[in-house]
Amino acid sequence: MENSDQSTKKEPKLKKVIEGADSLSLGISIVVAILLGIGLGVWLKNMFDSNLLLWLGVFWGVAAALMNIYRAYKKELLEYEEIAKNPRYNISK
């Protein structure tokens, strides 16, 4: 019983750390997605000697970054909807 009580007391601290890391990981994932796309484009350009493939890689990287932003937006929207359902935050008279 004591172990379960201790784990619930530590949960809020860990939750804040996880949420902070999740927010930080969005920025990192955007940069990594674009860099991977550029790297893939450069590799394809060197393999097939076509500048078009470089720009295709850049496009894939930017598209992946935008998809990461969209996923984060949807996740935050769901969290906002959960908060809006809480009667504590009901502003109607």
PDB file of N, CA and C in Angstrom:
ATOM      1  N   MET A   1       0.786  -1.185   0.000  1.00  0.00           N
ATOM      2  CA  MET A   1       0.000   0.000   0.000  1.00  0.00           C
ATOM      3  C   MET A   1       0.837   1.264   0.000  1.00  0.00           C
ATOM      4  N   GLU A   2       1.905   1.242   0.749  1.00  0.00           N
ATOM      5  CA  GLU A   2       2.758   2.416   0.813  1.00  0.00           C
ATOM      6  C   GLU A   2       3.395   2.717  -0.536  1.00  0.00           C
ATOM      7  N   ASN A   3       3.735   1.695  -1.290  1.00  0.00           N
ATOM      8  CA  ASN A   3       4.343   1.906  -2.604  1.00  0.00           C
ATOM      9  C   ASN A   3       3.382   2.608  -3.556  1.00  0.00           C
ATOM     10  N   SER A   4       2.108   2.219  -3.501  1.00  0.00           N
ATOM     11  CA  SER A   4       1.143   2.864  -4.389  1.00  0.00           C
ATOM     12  C   SER A   4       0.916   4.319  -3.987  1.00  0.00           C
ATOM     13  N   ASP A   5       0.932   4.604  -2.662  1.00  0.00           N
ATOM     14  CA  ASP A   5       0.775   5.985  -2.209  1.00  0.00           C
ATOM     15  C   ASP A   5       1.967   6.838  -2.627  1.00  0.00           C
ATOM     16  N   GLN A   6       3.160   6.275  -2.563  1.00  0.00           N
ATOM     17  CA  GLN A   6       4.352   7.009  -2.953  1.00  0.00           C
ATOM     18  C   GLN A   6       4.373   7.277  -4.445  1.00  0.00           C
ATOM     19  N   SER A   7       3.925   6.315  -5.239  1.00  0.00           N
ATOM     20  CA  SER A   7       3.932   6.511  -6.687  1.00  0.00           C
ATOM     21  C   SER A   7       2.917   7.576  -7.110  1.00  0.00           C
ATOM     22  N   THR A   8       1.778   7.656  -6.391  1.00  0.00           N
ATOM     23  CA  THR A   8       0.801   8.693  -6.749  1.00  0.00           C
ATOM     24  C   THR A   8       1.279  10.068  -6.324  1.00  0.00           C
ATOM     25  N   LYS A   9       2.074  10.150  -5.260  1.00  0.00           N
ATOM     26  CA  LYS A   9       2.609  11.443  -4.835  1.00  0.00           C
ATOM     27  C   LYS A   9       3.655  11.956  -5.808  1.00  0.00           C
ATOM     28  N   LYS A  10       4.419  11.065  -6.424  1.00  0.00           N
ATOM     29  CA  LYS A  10       5.465  11.465  -7.356  1.00  0.00           C
ATOM     30  C   LYS A  10       4.912  11.739  -8.749  1.00  0.00           C
ATOM     31  N   GLU A  11       3.716  11.274  -9.042  1.00  0.00           N
ATOM     32  CA  GLU A  11       3.167  11.388 -10.385  1.00  0.00           C
ATOM     33  C   GLU A  11       3.070  12.819 -10.914  1.00  0.00           C
ATOM     34  N   PRO A  12       2.592  13.794 -10.119  1.00  0.00           N
ATOM     35  CA  PRO A  12       2.515  15.162 -10.667  1.00  0.00           C
ATOM     36  C   PRO A  12       3.868  15.715 -11.105  1.00  0.00           C
ATOM     37  N   LYS A  13       4.933  15.439 -10.357  1.00  0.00           N
ATOM     38  CA  LYS A  13       6.251  15.917 -10.746  1.00  0.00           C
ATOM     39  C   LYS A  13       6.669  15.305 -12.077  1.00  0.00           C
ATOM     40  N   LEU A  14       6.486  14.020 -12.221  1.00  0.00           N
ATOM     41  CA  LEU A  14       6.862  13.354 -13.468  1.00  0.00           C
ATOM     42  C   LEU A  14       5.990  13.820 -14.626  1.00  0.00           C
ATOM     43  N   LYS A  15       4.739  14.095 -14.345  1.00  0.00           N
ATOM     44  CA  LYS A  15       3.842  14.542 -15.406  1.00  0.00           C
ATOM     45  C   LYS A  15       4.309  15.870 -15.982  1.00  0.00           C
ATOM     46  N   LYS A  16       4.751  16.794 -15.124  1.00  0.00           N
ATOM     47  CA  LYS A  16       5.242  18.083 -15.599  1.00  0.00           C
ATOM     48  C   LYS A  16       6.501  17.923 -16.439  1.00  0.00           C
ATOM     49  N   VAL A  17       7.374  17.015 -16.022  1.00  0.00           N
ATOM     50  CA  VAL A  17       8.609  16.769 -16.772  1.00  0.00           C
ATOM     51  C   VAL A  17       8.287  16.172 -18.139  1.00  0.00           C
ATOM     52  N   ILE A  18       7.356  15.252 -18.170  1.00  0.00           N
ATOM     53  CA  ILE A  18       6.975  14.615 -19.434  1.00  0.00           C
ATOM     54  C   ILE A  18       6.319  15.622 -20.364  1.00  0.00           C
ATOM     55  N   GLU A  19       5.446  16.467 -19.839  1.00  0.00           N
ATOM     56  CA  GLU A  19       4.803  17.490 -20.675  1.00  0.00           C
ATOM     57  C   GLU A  19       5.826  18.481 -21.211  1.00  0.00           C
ATOM     58  N   GLY A  20       6.793  18.849 -20.385  1.00  0.00           N
ATOM     59  CA  GLY A  20       7.846  19.758 -20.834  1.00  0.00           C
ATOM     60  C   GLY A  20       8.704  19.128 -21.914  1.00  0.00           C
ATOM     61  N   ALA A  21       9.038  17.861 -21.738  1.00  0.00           N
ATOM     62  CA  ALA A  21       9.835  17.151 -22.739  1.00  0.00           C
ATOM     63  C   ALA A  21       9.054  16.994 -24.039  1.00  0.00           C
ATOM     64  N   ASP A  22       7.751  16.805 -23.910  1.00  0.00           N
ATOM     65  CA  ASP A  22       6.923  16.667 -25.101  1.00  0.00           C
ATOM     66  C   ASP A  22       6.905  17.966 -25.898  1.00  0.00           C
ATOM     67  N   SER A  23       6.809  19.093 -25.202  1.00  0.00           N
ATOM     68  CA  SER A  23       6.842  20.384 -25.885  1.00  0.00           C
ATOM     69  C   SER A  23       8.195  20.634 -26.524  1.00  0.00           C
ATOM     70  N   LEU A  24       9.249  20.282 -25.833  1.00  0.00           N
ATOM     71  CA  LEU A  24      10.590  20.445 -26.374  1.00  0.00           C
ATOM     72  C   LEU A  24      10.802  19.516 -27.564  1.00  0.00           C
ATOM     73  N   SER A  25      10.241  18.325 -27.480  1.00  0.00           N
ATOM     74  CA  SER A  25      10.447  17.366 -28.554  1.00  0.00           C
ATOM     75  C   SER A  25       9.769  17.810 -29.852  1.00  0.00           C
ATOM     76  N   LEU A  26       8.739  18.647 -29.768  1.00  0.00           N
ATOM     77  CA  LEU A  26       8.110  19.156 -30.992  1.00  0.00           C
ATOM     78  C   LEU A  26       9.104  19.994 -31.777  1.00  0.00           C
ATOM     79  N   GLY A  27       9.787  20.895 -31.108  1.00  0.00           N
ATOM     80  CA  GLY A  27      10.780  21.727 -31.789  1.00  0.00           C
ATOM     81  C   GLY A  27      11.915  20.899 -32.367  1.00  0.00           C
ATOM     82  N   ILE A  28      12.361  19.934 -31.584  1.00  0.00           N
ATOM     83  CA  ILE A  28      13.442  19.072 -32.057  1.00  0.00           C
ATOM     84  C   ILE A  28      12.979  18.235 -33.237  1.00  0.00           C
ATOM     85  N   SER A  29      11.759  17.717 -33.171  1.00  0.00           N
ATOM     86  CA  SER A  29      11.268  16.870 -34.258  1.00  0.00           C
ATOM     87  C   SER A  29      11.107  17.649 -35.563  1.00  0.00           C
ATOM     88  N   ILE A  30      10.772  18.940 -35.457  1.00  0.00           N
ATOM     89  CA  ILE A  30      10.662  19.766 -36.659  1.00  0.00           C
ATOM     90  C   ILE A  30      12.026  19.907 -37.319  1.00  0.00           C
ATOM     91  N   VAL A  31      13.024  20.232 -36.513  1.00  0.00           N
ATOM     92  CA  VAL A  31      14.382  20.398 -37.049  1.00  0.00           C
ATOM     93  C   VAL A  31      14.899  19.088 -37.615  1.00  0.00           C
ATOM     94  N   VAL A  32      14.704  17.996 -36.894  1.00  0.00           N
ATOM     95  CA  VAL A  32      15.195  16.693 -37.351  1.00  0.00           C
ATOM     96  C   VAL A  32      14.500  16.263 -38.637  1.00  0.00           C
ATOM     97  N   ALA A  33      13.199  16.485 -38.733  1.00  0.00           N
ATOM     98  CA  ALA A  33      12.472  16.096 -39.945  1.00  0.00           C
ATOM     99  C   ALA A  33      12.996  16.855 -41.162  1.00  0.00           C
ATOM    100  N   ILE A  34      13.227  18.149 -41.012  1.00  0.00           N
ATOM    101  CA  ILE A  34      13.723  18.943 -42.138  1.00  0.00           C
ATOM    102  C   ILE A  34      15.149  18.513 -42.501  1.00  0.00           C
ATOM    103  N   LEU A  35      15.988  18.311 -41.473  1.00  0.00           N
ATOM    104  CA  LEU A  35      17.361  17.889 -41.757  1.00  0.00           C
ATOM    105  C   LEU A  35      17.420  16.500 -42.403  1.00  0.00           C
ATOM    106  N   LEU A  36      16.567  15.600 -41.968  1.00  0.00           N
ATOM    107  CA  LEU A  36      16.526  14.276 -42.606  1.00  0.00           C
ATOM    108  C   LEU A  36      16.062  14.381 -44.058  1.00  0.00           C
ATOM    109  N   GLY A  37      15.080  15.229 -44.299  1.00  0.00           N
ATOM    110  CA  GLY A  37      14.615  15.430 -45.672  1.00  0.00           C
ATOM    111  C   GLY A  37      15.704  16.012 -46.552  1.00  0.00           C
ATOM    112  N   ILE A  38      16.434  16.993 -46.039  1.00  0.00           N
ATOM    113  CA  ILE A  38      17.531  17.584 -46.809  1.00  0.00           C
ATOM    114  C   ILE A  38      18.626  16.547 -47.031  1.00  0.00           C
ATOM    115  N   GLY A  39      18.950  15.789 -45.980  1.00  0.00           N
ATOM    116  CA  GLY A  39      19.961  14.740 -46.122  1.00  0.00           C
ATOM    117  C   GLY A  39      19.569  13.706 -47.151  1.00  0.00           C
ATOM    118  N   LEU A  40      18.313  13.306 -47.136  1.00  0.00           N
ATOM    119  CA  LEU A  40      17.834  12.344 -48.130  1.00  0.00           C
ATOM    120  C   LEU A  40      17.900  12.945 -49.532  1.00  0.00           C
ATOM    121  N   GLY A  41      17.540  14.212 -49.636  1.00  0.00           N
ATOM    122  CA  GLY A  41      17.597  14.878 -50.940  1.00  0.00           C
ATOM    123  C   GLY A  41      19.013  14.987 -51.468  1.00  0.00           C
ATOM    124  N   VAL A  42      19.957  15.326 -50.600  1.00  0.00           N
ATOM    125  CA  VAL A  42      21.362  15.404 -51.023  1.00  0.00           C
ATOM    126  C   VAL A  42      21.870  14.035 -51.444  1.00  0.00           C
ATOM    127  N   TRP A  43      21.515  13.015 -50.680  1.00  0.00           N
ATOM    128  CA  TRP A  43      21.948  11.652 -51.022  1.00  0.00           C
ATOM    129  C   TRP A  43      21.375  11.217 -52.372  1.00  0.00           C
ATOM    130  N   LEU A  44      20.084  11.473 -52.587  1.00  0.00           N
ATOM    131  CA  LEU A  44      19.465  11.112 -53.866  1.00  0.00           C
ATOM    132  C   LEU A  44      20.068  11.918 -55.017  1.00  0.00           C
ATOM    133  N   LYS A  45      20.368  13.182 -54.769  1.00  0.00           N
ATOM    134  CA  LYS A  45      20.991  14.026 -55.791  1.00  0.00           C
ATOM    135  C   LYS A  45      22.348  13.457 -56.197  1.00  0.00           C
ATOM    136  N   ASN A  46      23.129  13.052 -55.207  1.00  0.00           N
ATOM    137  CA  ASN A  46      24.443  12.484 -55.502  1.00  0.00           C
ATOM    138  C   ASN A  46      24.348  11.116 -56.181  1.00  0.00           C
ATOM    139  N   MET A  47      23.337  10.352 -55.815  1.00  0.00           N
ATOM    140  CA  MET A  47      23.176   9.013 -56.410  1.00  0.00           C
ATOM    141  C   MET A  47      22.738   9.106 -57.873  1.00  0.00           C
ATOM    142  N   PHE A  48      21.804   9.986 -58.162  1.00  0.00           N
ATOM    143  CA  PHE A  48      21.205  10.027 -59.493  1.00  0.00           C
ATOM    144  C   PHE A  48      21.540  11.294 -60.281  1.00  0.00           C
ATOM    145  N   ASP A  49      22.317  12.192 -59.701  1.00  0.00           N
ATOM    146  CA  ASP A  49      22.771  13.419 -60.361  1.00  0.00           C
ATOM    147  C   ASP A  49      21.595  14.237 -60.916  1.00  0.00           C
ATOM    148  N   SER A  50      20.628  14.494 -60.029  1.00  0.00           N
ATOM    149  CA  SER A  50      19.456  15.280 -60.421  1.00  0.00           C
ATOM    150  C   SER A  50      19.108  16.255 -59.297  1.00  0.00           C
ATOM    151  N   ASN A  51      19.110  17.551 -59.617  1.00  0.00           N
ATOM    152  CA  ASN A  51      18.781  18.562 -58.611  1.00  0.00           C
ATOM    153  C   ASN A  51      17.328  18.477 -58.157  1.00  0.00           C
ATOM    154  N   LEU A  52      16.488  17.942 -59.010  1.00  0.00           N
ATOM    155  CA  LEU A  52      15.078  17.801 -58.652  1.00  0.00           C
ATOM    156  C   LEU A  52      14.910  16.917 -57.420  1.00  0.00           C
ATOM    157  N   LEU A  53      15.727  15.895 -57.288  1.00  0.00           N
ATOM    158  CA  LEU A  53      15.623  14.993 -56.142  1.00  0.00           C
ATOM    159  C   LEU A  53      16.028  15.688 -54.842  1.00  0.00           C
ATOM    160  N   LEU A  54      16.934  16.651 -54.913  1.00  0.00           N
ATOM    161  CA  LEU A  54      17.287  17.434 -53.728  1.00  0.00           C
ATOM    162  C   LEU A  54      16.062  18.195 -53.234  1.00  0.00           C
ATOM    163  N   TRP A  55      15.372  18.855 -54.135  1.00  0.00           N
ATOM    164  CA  TRP A  55      14.185  19.620 -53.754  1.00  0.00           C
ATOM    165  C   TRP A  55      13.045  18.717 -53.306  1.00  0.00           C
ATOM    166  N   LEU A  56      12.991  17.516 -53.856  1.00  0.00           N
ATOM    167  CA  LEU A  56      11.992  16.546 -53.403  1.00  0.00           C
ATOM    168  C   LEU A  56      12.259  16.157 -51.947  1.00  0.00           C
ATOM    169  N   GLY A  57      13.527  15.967 -51.600  1.00  0.00           N
ATOM    170  CA  GLY A  57      13.885  15.658 -50.220  1.00  0.00           C
ATOM    171  C   GLY A  57      13.559  16.801 -49.273  1.00  0.00           C
ATOM    172  N   VAL A  58      13.825  18.021 -49.712  1.00  0.00           N
ATOM    173  CA  VAL A  58      13.486  19.191 -48.895  1.00  0.00           C
ATOM    174  C   VAL A  58      11.972  19.243 -48.678  1.00  0.00           C
ATOM    175  N   PHE A  59      11.221  18.997 -49.730  1.00  0.00           N
ATOM    176  CA  PHE A  59       9.759  18.990 -49.618  1.00  0.00           C
ATOM    177  C   PHE A  59       9.297  17.924 -48.632  1.00  0.00           C
ATOM    178  N   TRP A  60       9.863  16.715 -48.713  1.00  0.00           N
ATOM    179  CA  TRP A  60       9.490  15.646 -47.786  1.00  0.00           C
ATOM    180  C   TRP A  60       9.800  16.041 -46.341  1.00  0.00           C
ATOM    181  N   GLY A  61      10.932  16.686 -46.121  1.00  0.00           N
ATOM    182  CA  GLY A  61      11.295  17.108 -44.773  1.00  0.00           C
ATOM    183  C   GLY A  61      10.341  18.149 -44.220  1.00  0.00           C
ATOM    184  N   VAL A  62      10.013  19.132 -45.032  1.00  0.00           N
ATOM    185  CA  VAL A  62       9.084  20.176 -44.591  1.00  0.00           C
ATOM    186  C   VAL A  62       7.692  19.582 -44.371  1.00  0.00           C
ATOM    187  N   ALA A  63       7.277  18.675 -45.242  1.00  0.00           N
ATOM    188  CA  ALA A  63       5.968  18.032 -45.080  1.00  0.00           C
ATOM    189  C   ALA A  63       5.926  17.215 -43.785  1.00  0.00           C
ATOM    190  N   ALA A  64       7.000  16.522 -43.472  1.00  0.00           N
ATOM    191  CA  ALA A  64       7.056  15.750 -42.227  1.00  0.00           C
ATOM    192  C   ALA A  64       7.008  16.681 -41.019  1.00  0.00           C
ATOM    193  N   ALA A  65       7.686  17.815 -41.097  1.00  0.00           N
ATOM    194  CA  ALA A  65       7.667  18.787 -40.002  1.00  0.00           C
ATOM    195  C   ALA A  65       6.254  19.340 -39.808  1.00  0.00           C
ATOM    196  N   LEU A  66       5.585  19.664 -40.892  1.00  0.00           N
ATOM    197  CA  LEU A  66       4.211  20.167 -40.795  1.00  0.00           C
ATOM    198  C   LEU A  66       3.274  19.110 -40.223  1.00  0.00           C
ATOM    199  N   MET A  67       3.506  17.858 -40.568  1.00  0.00           N
ATOM    200  CA  MET A  67       2.691  16.781 -40.020  1.00  0.00           C
ATOM    201  C   MET A  67       2.917  16.648 -38.509  1.00  0.00           C
ATOM    202  N   ASN A  68       4.154  16.835 -38.055  1.00  0.00           N
ATOM    203  CA  ASN A  68       4.433  16.812 -36.616  1.00  0.00           C
ATOM    204  C   ASN A  68       3.712  17.952 -35.905  1.00  0.00           C
ATOM    205  N   ILE A  69       3.688  19.120 -36.507  1.00  0.00           N
ATOM    206  CA  ILE A  69       2.990  20.265 -35.918  1.00  0.00           C
ATOM    207  C   ILE A  69       1.494  19.982 -35.837  1.00  0.00           C
ATOM    208  N   TYR A  70       0.939  19.404 -36.889  1.00  0.00           N
ATOM    209  CA  TYR A  70      -0.492  19.087 -36.917  1.00  0.00           C
ATOM    210  C   TYR A  70      -0.838  18.072 -35.823  1.00  0.00           C
ATOM    211  N   ARG A  71       0.001  17.050 -35.660  1.00  0.00           N
ATOM    212  CA  ARG A  71      -0.254  16.056 -34.611  1.00  0.00           C
ATOM    213  C   ARG A  71      -0.216  16.689 -33.225  1.00  0.00           C
ATOM    214  N   ALA A  72       0.735  17.578 -32.994  1.00  0.00           N
ATOM    215  CA  ALA A  72       0.828  18.257 -31.699  1.00  0.00           C
ATOM    216  C   ALA A  72      -0.396  19.146 -31.482  1.00  0.00           C
ATOM    217  N   TYR A  73      -0.855  19.804 -32.539  1.00  0.00           N
ATOM    218  CA  TYR A  73      -2.049  20.650 -32.451  1.00  0.00           C
ATOM    219  C   TYR A  73      -3.268  19.819 -32.067  1.00  0.00           C
ATOM    220  N   LYS A  74      -3.441  18.680 -32.709  1.00  0.00           N
ATOM    221  CA  LYS A  74      -4.588  17.826 -32.413  1.00  0.00           C
ATOM    222  C   LYS A  74      -4.534  17.325 -30.964  1.00  0.00           C
ATOM    223  N   LYS A  75      -3.334  16.989 -30.495  1.00  0.00           N
ATOM    224  CA  LYS A  75      -3.188  16.524 -29.122  1.00  0.00           C
ATOM    225  C   LYS A  75      -3.560  17.635 -28.141  1.00  0.00           C
ATOM    226  N   GLU A  76      -3.098  18.846 -28.379  1.00  0.00           N
ATOM    227  CA  GLU A  76      -3.426  19.971 -27.503  1.00  0.00           C
ATOM    228  C   GLU A  76      -4.919  20.298 -27.563  1.00  0.00           C
ATOM    229  N   LEU A  77      -5.520  20.162 -28.727  1.00  0.00           N
ATOM    230  CA  LEU A  77      -6.951  20.415 -28.866  1.00  0.00           C
ATOM    231  C   LEU A  77      -7.758  19.424 -28.032  1.00  0.00           C
ATOM    232  N   LEU A  78      -7.361  18.161 -28.033  1.00  0.00           N
ATOM    233  CA  LEU A  78      -8.052  17.162 -27.215  1.00  0.00           C
ATOM    234  C   LEU A  78      -7.911  17.476 -25.731  1.00  0.00           C
ATOM    235  N   GLU A  79      -6.716  17.913 -25.322  1.00  0.00           N
ATOM    236  CA  GLU A  79      -6.521  18.280 -23.921  1.00  0.00           C
ATOM    237  C   GLU A  79      -7.375  19.494 -23.559  1.00  0.00           C
ATOM    238  N   TYR A  80      -7.480  20.453 -24.458  1.00  0.00           N
ATOM    239  CA  TYR A  80      -8.310  21.632 -24.218  1.00  0.00           C
ATOM    240  C   TYR A  80      -9.778  21.231 -24.077  1.00  0.00           C
ATOM    241  N   GLU A  81     -10.239  20.316 -24.909  1.00  0.00           N
ATOM    242  CA  GLU A  81     -11.630  19.874 -24.830  1.00  0.00           C
ATOM    243  C   GLU A  81     -11.911  19.169 -23.510  1.00  0.00           C
ATOM    244  N   GLU A  82     -10.923  18.428 -22.997  1.00  0.00           N
ATOM    245  CA  GLU A  82     -11.102  17.783 -21.700  1.00  0.00           C
ATOM    246  C   GLU A  82     -11.224  18.830 -20.592  1.00  0.00           C
ATOM    247  N   ILE A  83     -10.424  19.876 -20.672  1.00  0.00           N
ATOM    248  CA  ILE A  83     -10.499  20.945 -19.673  1.00  0.00           C
ATOM    249  C   ILE A  83     -11.835  21.676 -19.783  1.00  0.00           C
ATOM    250  N   ALA A  84     -12.305  21.886 -21.010  1.00  0.00           N
ATOM    251  CA  ALA A  84     -13.571  22.595 -21.218  1.00  0.00           C
ATOM    252  C   ALA A  84     -14.754  21.824 -20.636  1.00  0.00           C
ATOM    253  N   LYS A  85     -14.651  20.506 -20.560  1.00  0.00           N
ATOM    254  CA  LYS A  85     -15.732  19.694 -19.992  1.00  0.00           C
ATOM    255  C   LYS A  85     -15.771  19.778 -18.469  1.00  0.00           C
ATOM    256  N   ASN A  86     -14.702  20.230 -17.855  1.00  0.00           N
ATOM    257  CA  ASN A  86     -14.629  20.307 -16.405  1.00  0.00           C
ATOM    258  C   ASN A  86     -15.584  21.388 -15.906  1.00  0.00           C
ATOM    259  N   PRO A  87     -16.492  21.045 -14.982  1.00  0.00           N
ATOM    260  CA  PRO A  87     -17.469  22.027 -14.506  1.00  0.00           C
ATOM    261  C   PRO A  87     -16.812  23.236 -13.799  1.00  0.00           C
ATOM    262  N   ARG A  88     -15.635  23.072 -13.296  1.00  0.00           N
ATOM    263  CA  ARG A  88     -14.930  24.165 -12.618  1.00  0.00           C
ATOM    264  C   ARG A  88     -14.727  25.347 -13.537  1.00  0.00           C
ATOM    265  N   TYR A  89     -14.527  25.070 -14.819  1.00  0.00           N
ATOM    266  CA  TYR A  89     -14.213  26.127 -15.774  1.00  0.00           C
ATOM    267  C   TYR A  89     -15.419  26.564 -16.598  1.00  0.00           C
ATOM    268  N   ASN A  90     -16.607  26.184 -16.191  1.00  0.00           N
ATOM    269  CA  ASN A  90     -17.816  26.573 -16.890  1.00  0.00           C
ATOM    270  C   ASN A  90     -18.111  28.047 -16.611  1.00  0.00           C
ATOM    271  N   ILE A  91     -18.185  28.867 -17.663  1.00  0.00           N
ATOM    272  CA  ILE A  91     -18.378  30.307 -17.460  1.00  0.00           C
ATOM    273  C   ILE A  91     -19.833  30.738 -17.696  1.00  0.00           C
ATOM    274  N   SER A  92     -20.710  29.813 -18.015  1.00  0.00           N
ATOM    275  CA  SER A  92     -22.113  30.200 -18.228  1.00  0.00           C
ATOM    276  C   SER A  92     -22.749  30.571 -16.894  1.00  0.00           C
ATOM    277  N   LYS A  93     -23.716  31.478 -16.934  1.00  0.00           N
ATOM    278  CA  LYS A  93     -24.346  31.989 -15.704  1.00  0.00           C
ATOM    279  C   LYS A  93     -25.467  31.130 -15.245  1.00  0.00           C
TER     280      LYS A  93
END
